[in-house]
Amino acid sequence: MRFCVRYTRSNISSCFTIFNYCAHNNRLHLPLTRSVSQFCQQIFFRPALSQPAYLDSSHYYSVFNALPSHYVIDVRSDTLSLPTSEMRQAMFAATLGDDIYREDPNVLKLEQKAAELFEKDAGLFVPSGTMSNLLAIMAHCPQRGAEAIVGDLSHTFLYEQGSAAQIAGVQLATIQNKTDGTFCLEEMQRKIRPYDDSLQPVTSLVVVENTHNMCGGKALPLQWLDELAAICKTKENTNGKNIALHMDGARVFNAAEHLNESVARITREFDSVSYSVSKALLAPVGSMLVGSETFIAEARRLRLALGGSMHQCGILAAAGLLALEKFEPLLKEDHRRTKRIAEAFASVQALARFSNCLDFVGMEFKKKGKQTRGYV
């Protein structure tokens, strides 16, 4: 769970983040018993100043200046979550082998465990989510000049440096994301290119993000996912060509917890899925890519070309393996705490708008005509 406040004035914005470690580290506690308005006041204003702290957008203002340091830790994002002591011990004790030769026992176990959880044929350990998404695009779109359809607020489109075009030679066509993270399926169908038109790129892939980060951490509805798959898997709807489906599921375990469904059910109709073993799962490094045997074999070859193949990486896989074995109670606690904070903020009259989405709480404050946005 995280708390990020963006305080905006003109084009200047700053980010403040608090990570609640109560579920994983009993040394650090968010002071939920304190007055919420008092809590917000200390975050938004420097104690020594009568004016709000407007900072350069490249600078992150530490909340240690506003709150006693034994309460909170500045992490800015759930990507900076730290491994548990149990994970550190597992990493220290890990038996190592060379993953290039497929001889690292922890990597093999992690890939098998991931495949079983998602009910796919095989898995692949990758250094980052950005790389796993790029590998999926490259494996599904082997022909340069192919096209993948993505949401306009997706991580793939906004925050992966245009790597689909830069490295894979794949064009991204965007559809406007709705506030719930979905997009119009009729519009998507209209964007599918005629396969027999040599003037146009070949539509080969659709990528969705679940949960959707830029749409407030929303979990995509199962019915919508099933309808999307029905379109992409029916040749009459896709100009005579099957279109692959990839899910950027960096936080898909949060979606599963929220929907009370297994990750296998959520991703059932998808040809490939990537997900992070860090973030809410707390491992320090890594992403998993799962799919068919043929798909993973191709992704494994491509991983080497991208510099993502590692030798004795079992030290990292050991933490990822433990994350998959221990994640359920941790996520339940994260979501419980998020709900508790959401209920507290719901009573604050200074809020202009308020929404509660899984492990995020979105809110908008008004202060002397200026607005503040925040996320928990």
Protein backbone atom coordinates (compact mmCIF):
# COMPACT_ATOMS: atom_id res chain seq x y z
CA MET A 1 0.00 0.00 0.00
CA ARG A 2 1.32 3.47 -0.76
CA PHE A 3 0.38 7.07 -0.18
CA CYS A 4 1.49 9.52 -2.82
CA VAL A 5 0.43 13.16 -2.81
CA ARG A 6 0.99 15.27 -5.89
CA TYR A 7 0.85 18.94 -4.96
CA THR A 8 0.49 20.98 -8.12
CA ARG A 9 0.91 24.67 -8.85
CA SER A 10 1.11 25.76 -12.49
CA ASN A 11 3.50 23.26 -14.09
CA ILE A 12 5.36 22.42 -10.90
CA SER A 13 4.54 19.21 -9.07
CA SER A 14 6.11 17.21 -6.29
CA CYS A 15 5.46 13.71 -5.05
CA PHE A 16 5.28 12.59 -1.44
CA THR A 17 4.99 8.94 -0.62
CA ILE A 18 4.44 6.93 2.51
CA PHE A 19 4.64 3.15 2.55
CA ASN A 20 2.88 1.33 5.35
CA TYR A 21 5.14 -1.47 6.49
CA CYS A 22 2.85 -2.76 9.21
CA ALA A 23 2.09 -5.96 7.30
CA HIS A 24 5.73 -6.79 6.70
CA ASN A 25 7.88 -4.95 9.22
CA ASN A 26 6.66 -4.28 12.73
CA ARG A 27 9.22 -1.53 13.30
CA LEU A 28 7.39 0.98 11.10
CA HIS A 29 3.79 2.03 11.60
CA LEU A 30 1.55 4.55 9.93
CA PRO A 31 -0.09 6.53 12.75
CA LEU A 32 -3.71 5.76 11.83
CA THR A 33 -4.95 6.88 15.24
CA ARG A 34 -3.94 10.46 14.52
CA SER A 35 -6.39 13.01 13.16
CA VAL A 36 -6.51 12.62 9.38
CA SER A 37 -6.71 16.37 8.86
CA GLN A 38 -3.71 16.81 11.17
CA PHE A 39 -1.87 14.10 9.26
CA CYS A 40 -2.56 15.76 5.89
CA GLN A 41 -1.64 19.19 7.25
CA GLN A 42 1.79 17.93 8.26
CA ILE A 43 2.35 16.39 4.85
CA PHE A 44 1.22 19.36 2.77
CA PHE A 45 2.97 22.08 4.78
CA ARG A 46 6.51 22.33 6.04
CA PRO A 47 6.45 22.94 9.80
CA ALA A 48 8.73 25.98 9.51
CA LEU A 49 6.79 27.60 6.66
CA SER A 50 3.42 29.28 6.51
CA GLN A 51 3.25 28.59 2.77
CA PRO A 52 2.85 25.18 1.12
CA ALA A 53 6.12 23.62 -0.02
CA TYR A 54 6.26 24.06 -3.79
CA LEU A 55 9.31 22.24 -5.08
CA ASP A 56 11.00 21.56 -8.37
CA SER A 57 9.29 18.58 -10.04
CA SER A 58 12.58 16.68 -10.17
CA HIS A 59 12.94 16.80 -6.38
CA TYR A 60 11.15 14.49 -3.96
CA TYR A 61 10.39 16.10 -0.63
CA SER A 62 11.00 13.59 2.15
CA VAL A 63 8.12 13.19 4.55
CA PHE A 64 10.74 12.87 7.28
CA ASN A 65 10.63 16.69 7.32
CA ALA A 66 6.96 16.54 8.21
CA LEU A 67 6.51 13.45 10.38
CA PRO A 68 8.59 11.65 13.01
CA SER A 69 10.89 9.29 11.12
CA HIS A 70 9.97 6.26 13.22
CA TYR A 71 6.44 6.30 11.77
CA VAL A 72 7.02 6.21 8.02
CA ILE A 73 9.52 5.52 5.29
CA ASP A 74 9.74 7.44 2.01
CA VAL A 75 9.52 5.02 -0.90
CA ARG A 76 7.65 6.98 -3.60
CA SER A 77 6.27 3.82 -5.15
CA ASP A 78 5.47 0.19 -4.39
CA THR A 79 8.41 -0.63 -6.67
CA LEU A 80 10.64 0.34 -3.73
CA SER A 81 9.15 -2.19 -1.31
CA LEU A 82 11.82 -4.15 0.54
CA PRO A 83 12.22 -7.93 0.89
CA THR A 84 11.30 -9.51 4.20
CA SER A 85 13.94 -10.96 6.50
CA GLU A 86 12.73 -14.42 5.47
CA MET A 87 13.41 -13.54 1.83
CA ARG A 88 16.87 -12.24 2.66
CA GLN A 89 17.66 -15.51 4.43
CA ALA A 90 16.36 -17.52 1.46
CA MET A 91 18.58 -15.49 -0.87
CA PHE A 92 21.60 -16.04 1.36
CA ALA A 93 21.01 -19.80 1.52
CA ALA A 94 20.09 -20.26 -2.16
CA THR A 95 21.71 -23.12 -4.05
CA LEU A 96 23.04 -21.64 -7.29
CA GLY A 97 23.46 -22.90 -10.82
CA ASP A 98 23.80 -21.35 -14.26
CA ASP A 99 20.44 -20.37 -15.72
CA ILE A 100 21.88 -20.05 -19.23
CA TYR A 101 22.37 -23.82 -19.06
CA ARG A 102 18.98 -24.24 -17.31
CA GLU A 103 20.76 -25.54 -14.21
CA ASP A 104 19.70 -23.11 -11.49
CA PRO A 105 17.30 -24.99 -9.20
CA ASN A 106 15.54 -21.92 -7.82
CA VAL A 107 14.92 -20.43 -11.25
CA LEU A 108 13.51 -23.74 -12.48
CA LYS A 109 11.22 -23.98 -9.44
CA LEU A 110 10.08 -20.37 -9.81
CA GLU A 111 9.26 -20.77 -13.50
CA GLN A 112 7.38 -24.00 -12.84
CA LYS A 113 5.47 -22.49 -9.91
CA ALA A 114 4.49 -19.46 -11.98
CA ALA A 115 3.26 -21.62 -14.84
CA GLU A 116 1.18 -23.72 -12.44
CA LEU A 117 -0.38 -20.68 -10.74
CA PHE A 118 -1.51 -19.25 -14.08
CA GLU A 119 -2.30 -22.65 -15.60
CA LYS A 120 0.05 -22.01 -18.52
CA ASP A 121 2.58 -24.37 -20.06
CA ALA A 122 5.80 -22.60 -19.09
CA GLY A 123 7.33 -19.58 -17.40
CA LEU A 124 10.38 -17.35 -17.85
CA PHE A 125 12.24 -15.29 -15.23
CA VAL A 126 13.06 -11.81 -16.53
CA PRO A 127 14.89 -8.89 -14.86
CA SER A 128 12.06 -6.36 -15.28
CA GLY A 129 8.44 -5.89 -16.26
CA THR A 130 9.40 -3.58 -19.10
CA MET A 131 11.54 -6.34 -20.58
CA SER A 132 8.86 -9.00 -20.11
CA ASN A 133 6.31 -6.83 -21.94
CA LEU A 134 8.77 -6.18 -24.75
CA LEU A 135 9.56 -9.89 -25.02
CA ALA A 136 5.85 -10.64 -25.32
CA ILE A 137 5.46 -8.07 -28.09
CA MET A 138 8.49 -9.43 -29.95
CA ALA A 139 7.41 -13.06 -29.63
CA HIS A 140 3.82 -12.38 -30.69
CA CYS A 141 4.83 -9.98 -33.49
CA PRO A 142 7.85 -11.58 -35.22
CA GLN A 143 7.22 -9.61 -38.41
CA ARG A 144 8.69 -6.09 -38.33
CA GLY A 145 6.03 -3.54 -39.17
CA ALA A 146 3.33 -5.44 -37.30
CA GLU A 147 0.92 -3.53 -35.07
CA ALA A 148 -0.17 -4.00 -31.46
CA ILE A 149 -3.27 -2.33 -30.00
CA VAL A 150 -2.85 -0.80 -26.52
CA GLY A 151 -4.66 1.63 -24.22
CA ASP A 152 -3.53 5.24 -24.39
CA LEU A 153 -2.89 5.28 -20.62
CA SER A 154 -1.13 1.93 -20.53
CA HIS A 155 2.36 1.45 -19.10
CA THR A 156 3.37 -0.16 -22.40
CA PHE A 157 2.53 3.02 -24.30
CA LEU A 158 3.54 5.70 -21.79
CA TYR A 159 6.44 4.37 -19.77
CA GLU A 160 8.48 1.85 -21.75
CA GLN A 161 10.42 4.33 -23.89
CA GLY A 162 8.65 3.31 -27.10
CA SER A 163 10.65 0.09 -27.03
CA ALA A 164 8.09 -1.73 -29.18
CA ALA A 165 8.99 0.57 -32.07
CA GLN A 166 12.55 1.35 -31.01
CA ILE A 167 13.70 -2.25 -30.66
CA ALA A 168 11.02 -4.62 -31.97
CA GLY A 169 9.91 -2.64 -35.03
CA VAL A 170 6.29 -2.92 -33.90
CA GLN A 171 3.85 -0.03 -34.21
CA LEU A 172 1.50 0.71 -31.30
CA ALA A 173 -2.06 1.79 -32.07
CA THR A 174 -3.81 3.36 -29.10
CA ILE A 175 -7.39 3.32 -27.87
CA GLN A 176 -8.66 5.74 -25.24
CA ASN A 177 -8.81 4.10 -21.83
CA LYS A 178 -12.00 4.54 -19.85
CA THR A 179 -11.82 5.47 -16.17
CA ASP A 180 -12.12 1.79 -15.19
CA GLY A 181 -9.06 0.81 -17.26
CA THR A 182 -11.04 -0.82 -20.07
CA PHE A 183 -11.54 0.53 -23.59
CA CYS A 184 -14.33 0.40 -26.15
CA LEU A 185 -14.33 -3.05 -27.79
CA GLU A 186 -16.23 -1.78 -30.82
CA GLU A 187 -13.54 0.83 -31.40
CA MET A 188 -10.85 -1.82 -30.98
CA GLN A 189 -12.53 -3.99 -33.58
CA ARG A 190 -12.60 -1.06 -36.01
CA LYS A 191 -8.85 -0.63 -35.54
CA ILE A 192 -8.05 -4.17 -36.67
CA ARG A 193 -6.36 -3.89 -40.06
CA PRO A 194 -7.41 -5.85 -43.16
CA TYR A 195 -4.98 -8.75 -43.37
CA ASP A 196 -4.90 -8.75 -47.18
CA ASP A 197 -4.10 -5.03 -47.56
CA SER A 198 -0.38 -4.77 -48.31
CA LEU A 199 -0.43 -1.02 -47.63
CA GLN A 200 -1.16 -1.47 -43.93
CA PRO A 201 0.62 -3.10 -40.99
CA VAL A 202 -0.72 -6.41 -39.72
CA THR A 203 -2.65 -6.21 -36.45
CA SER A 204 -1.04 -9.02 -34.44
CA LEU A 205 -1.54 -8.31 -30.74
CA VAL A 206 -3.73 -6.60 -28.14
CA VAL A 207 -2.16 -5.64 -24.79
CA VAL A 208 -4.18 -4.84 -21.66
CA GLU A 209 -3.01 -3.77 -18.21
CA ASN A 210 -4.53 -5.31 -15.08
CA THR A 211 -4.67 -3.74 -12.56
CA HIS A 212 -4.52 -0.46 -14.48
CA ASN A 213 -2.07 1.87 -12.76
CA MET A 214 -2.91 5.17 -14.48
CA CYS A 215 -6.64 4.53 -14.04
CA GLY A 216 -6.30 4.40 -10.28
CA GLY A 217 -5.30 0.77 -9.83
CA LYS A 218 -8.60 -0.58 -11.17
CA ALA A 219 -9.13 -4.32 -11.68
CA LEU A 220 -10.56 -5.02 -15.13
CA PRO A 221 -13.99 -6.74 -15.08
CA LEU A 222 -13.94 -10.44 -15.94
CA GLN A 223 -16.87 -10.07 -18.32
CA TRP A 224 -15.01 -7.41 -20.30
CA LEU A 225 -11.90 -9.61 -20.50
CA ASP A 226 -13.99 -12.51 -21.80
CA GLU A 227 -15.68 -10.30 -24.41
CA LEU A 228 -12.29 -8.99 -25.54
CA ALA A 229 -10.99 -12.54 -25.94
CA ALA A 230 -14.08 -13.60 -27.91
CA ILE A 231 -13.40 -10.87 -30.45
CA CYS A 232 -9.68 -11.59 -30.79
CA LYS A 233 -10.13 -15.36 -31.11
CA THR A 234 -12.86 -15.24 -33.79
CA LYS A 235 -11.51 -14.84 -37.32
CA GLU A 236 -14.78 -13.33 -38.55
CA ASN A 237 -14.16 -10.43 -36.15
CA THR A 238 -10.47 -10.01 -36.95
CA ASN A 239 -10.35 -9.96 -40.75
CA GLY A 240 -9.36 -13.61 -40.98
CA LYS A 241 -6.45 -13.60 -38.54
CA ASN A 242 -6.15 -14.71 -34.93
CA ILE A 243 -4.88 -11.87 -32.77
CA ALA A 244 -2.78 -12.70 -29.71
CA LEU A 245 -3.65 -11.35 -26.27
CA HIS A 246 -1.04 -10.25 -23.73
CA MET A 247 -1.75 -9.04 -20.21
CA ASP A 248 0.61 -6.65 -18.49
CA GLY A 249 -0.28 -8.02 -15.07
CA ALA A 250 2.38 -6.29 -13.00
CA ARG A 251 -0.18 -6.08 -10.17
CA VAL A 252 -2.53 -8.87 -11.28
CA PHE A 253 -2.36 -10.48 -7.82
CA ASN A 254 -4.02 -7.33 -6.46
CA ALA A 255 -6.78 -7.80 -9.04
CA ALA A 256 -7.20 -11.43 -7.98
CA GLU A 257 -7.49 -10.45 -4.32
CA HIS A 258 -10.02 -7.73 -5.10
CA LEU A 259 -12.17 -9.90 -7.39
CA ASN A 260 -11.81 -12.99 -5.19
CA GLU A 261 -10.72 -14.96 -8.25
CA SER A 262 -7.58 -16.90 -9.08
CA VAL A 263 -4.99 -15.36 -11.38
CA ALA A 264 -5.55 -18.39 -13.61
CA ARG A 265 -9.22 -17.44 -14.08
CA ILE A 266 -8.44 -13.78 -14.71
CA THR A 267 -5.83 -14.61 -17.36
CA ARG A 268 -7.52 -17.72 -18.75
CA GLU A 269 -8.10 -16.32 -22.25
CA PHE A 270 -4.69 -14.67 -22.58
CA ASP A 271 -1.84 -16.11 -24.63
CA SER A 272 0.76 -14.57 -22.33
CA VAL A 273 0.95 -12.75 -19.01
CA SER A 274 3.72 -10.79 -17.34
CA TYR A 275 3.69 -10.00 -13.64
CA SER A 276 6.04 -8.51 -11.08
CA VAL A 277 7.49 -10.51 -8.21
CA SER A 278 8.54 -7.26 -6.57
CA LYS A 279 6.09 -4.43 -5.77
CA ALA A 280 3.38 -5.90 -3.50
CA LEU A 281 5.01 -9.35 -3.51
CA LEU A 282 8.16 -7.78 -1.95
CA ALA A 283 10.90 -9.65 -3.85
CA PRO A 284 13.74 -7.23 -4.71
CA VAL A 285 14.05 -7.91 -8.45
CA GLY A 286 12.25 -9.61 -11.27
CA SER A 287 9.26 -10.23 -13.46
CA MET A 288 7.73 -13.45 -14.73
CA LEU A 289 6.42 -14.15 -18.21
CA VAL A 290 4.10 -17.14 -18.71
CA GLY A 291 2.55 -18.70 -21.80
CA SER A 292 2.75 -21.70 -24.10
CA GLU A 293 5.89 -23.81 -24.49
CA THR A 294 6.47 -22.42 -28.00
CA PHE A 295 5.96 -18.82 -26.88
CA ILE A 296 8.30 -19.14 -23.88
CA ALA A 297 10.97 -20.87 -25.98
CA GLU A 298 10.95 -17.90 -28.37
CA ALA A 299 10.91 -15.40 -25.50
CA ARG A 300 13.90 -17.17 -23.95
CA ARG A 301 15.90 -16.73 -27.16
CA LEU A 302 14.89 -13.07 -27.40
CA ARG A 303 15.75 -12.46 -23.73
CA LEU A 304 19.40 -13.21 -24.51
CA ALA A 305 19.41 -10.64 -27.32
CA LEU A 306 18.04 -8.01 -24.92
CA GLY A 307 20.71 -8.76 -22.32
CA GLY A 308 18.22 -10.27 -19.90
CA SER A 309 19.69 -13.75 -19.56
CA MET A 310 21.57 -14.13 -16.27
CA HIS A 311 23.92 -16.78 -14.95
CA GLN A 312 23.72 -17.41 -11.17
CA CYS A 313 20.39 -15.60 -10.74
CA GLY A 314 18.96 -18.14 -8.31
CA ILE A 315 19.76 -15.70 -5.52
CA LEU A 316 17.00 -13.49 -6.98
CA ALA A 317 14.68 -16.35 -7.91
CA ALA A 318 14.76 -17.61 -4.31
CA ALA A 319 13.05 -14.42 -3.14
CA GLY A 320 10.56 -14.58 -6.01
CA LEU A 321 9.71 -18.17 -5.17
CA LEU A 322 9.08 -17.30 -1.54
CA ALA A 323 6.90 -14.37 -2.68
CA LEU A 324 4.62 -16.74 -4.60
CA GLU A 325 4.33 -19.01 -1.58
CA LYS A 326 3.56 -16.23 0.92
CA PHE A 327 1.70 -13.54 -1.05
CA GLU A 328 -1.93 -14.27 -0.10
CA PRO A 329 -1.93 -13.16 3.56
CA LEU A 330 0.26 -10.15 2.72
CA LEU A 331 -2.13 -8.92 0.01
CA LYS A 332 -5.16 -9.49 2.21
CA GLU A 333 -3.54 -7.34 4.90
CA ASP A 334 -2.55 -4.65 2.38
CA HIS A 335 -6.11 -4.43 1.07
CA ARG A 336 -7.54 -4.39 4.59
CA ARG A 337 -5.30 -1.49 5.56
CA THR A 338 -6.13 0.37 2.35
CA LYS A 339 -9.82 0.05 3.14
CA ARG A 340 -9.20 1.32 6.66
CA ILE A 341 -7.39 4.42 5.39
CA ALA A 342 -10.09 4.95 2.74
CA GLU A 343 -12.75 4.94 5.45
CA ALA A 344 -10.76 7.50 7.43
CA PHE A 345 -10.34 9.85 4.48
CA ALA A 346 -14.00 9.46 3.49
CA SER A 347 -14.91 11.52 6.58
CA VAL A 348 -12.69 14.48 5.63
CA GLN A 349 -14.91 17.36 4.52
CA ALA A 350 -12.03 19.11 2.73
CA LEU A 351 -12.04 16.41 0.05
CA ALA A 352 -13.47 17.57 -3.26
CA ARG A 353 -13.57 14.05 -4.66
CA PHE A 354 -12.83 10.62 -3.27
CA SER A 355 -12.48 7.12 -4.73
CA ASN A 356 -11.26 3.79 -3.36
CA CYS A 357 -9.55 1.38 -5.78
CA LEU A 358 -7.88 -1.76 -4.42
CA ASP A 359 -4.50 -0.77 -2.99
CA PHE A 360 -4.92 2.88 -4.00
CA VAL A 361 -7.12 5.57 -2.55
CA GLY A 362 -7.60 8.53 -4.87
CA MET A 363 -8.55 11.88 -3.41
CA GLU A 364 -8.60 15.53 -4.34
CA PHE A 365 -8.23 18.31 -1.78
CA LYS A 366 -9.11 21.98 -2.12
CA LYS A 367 -7.09 24.58 -0.23
CA LYS A 368 -7.45 28.31 -0.93
CA GLY A 369 -8.55 27.65 -4.49
CA LYS A 370 -5.70 25.27 -5.25
CA GLN A 371 -6.18 21.54 -5.71
CA THR A 372 -4.12 18.63 -4.47
CA ARG A 373 -4.25 15.07 -5.73
CA GLY A 374 -3.19 12.03 -3.73
CA TYR A 375 -3.02 8.28 -3.87
CA VAL A 376 -2.90 5.72 -1.09
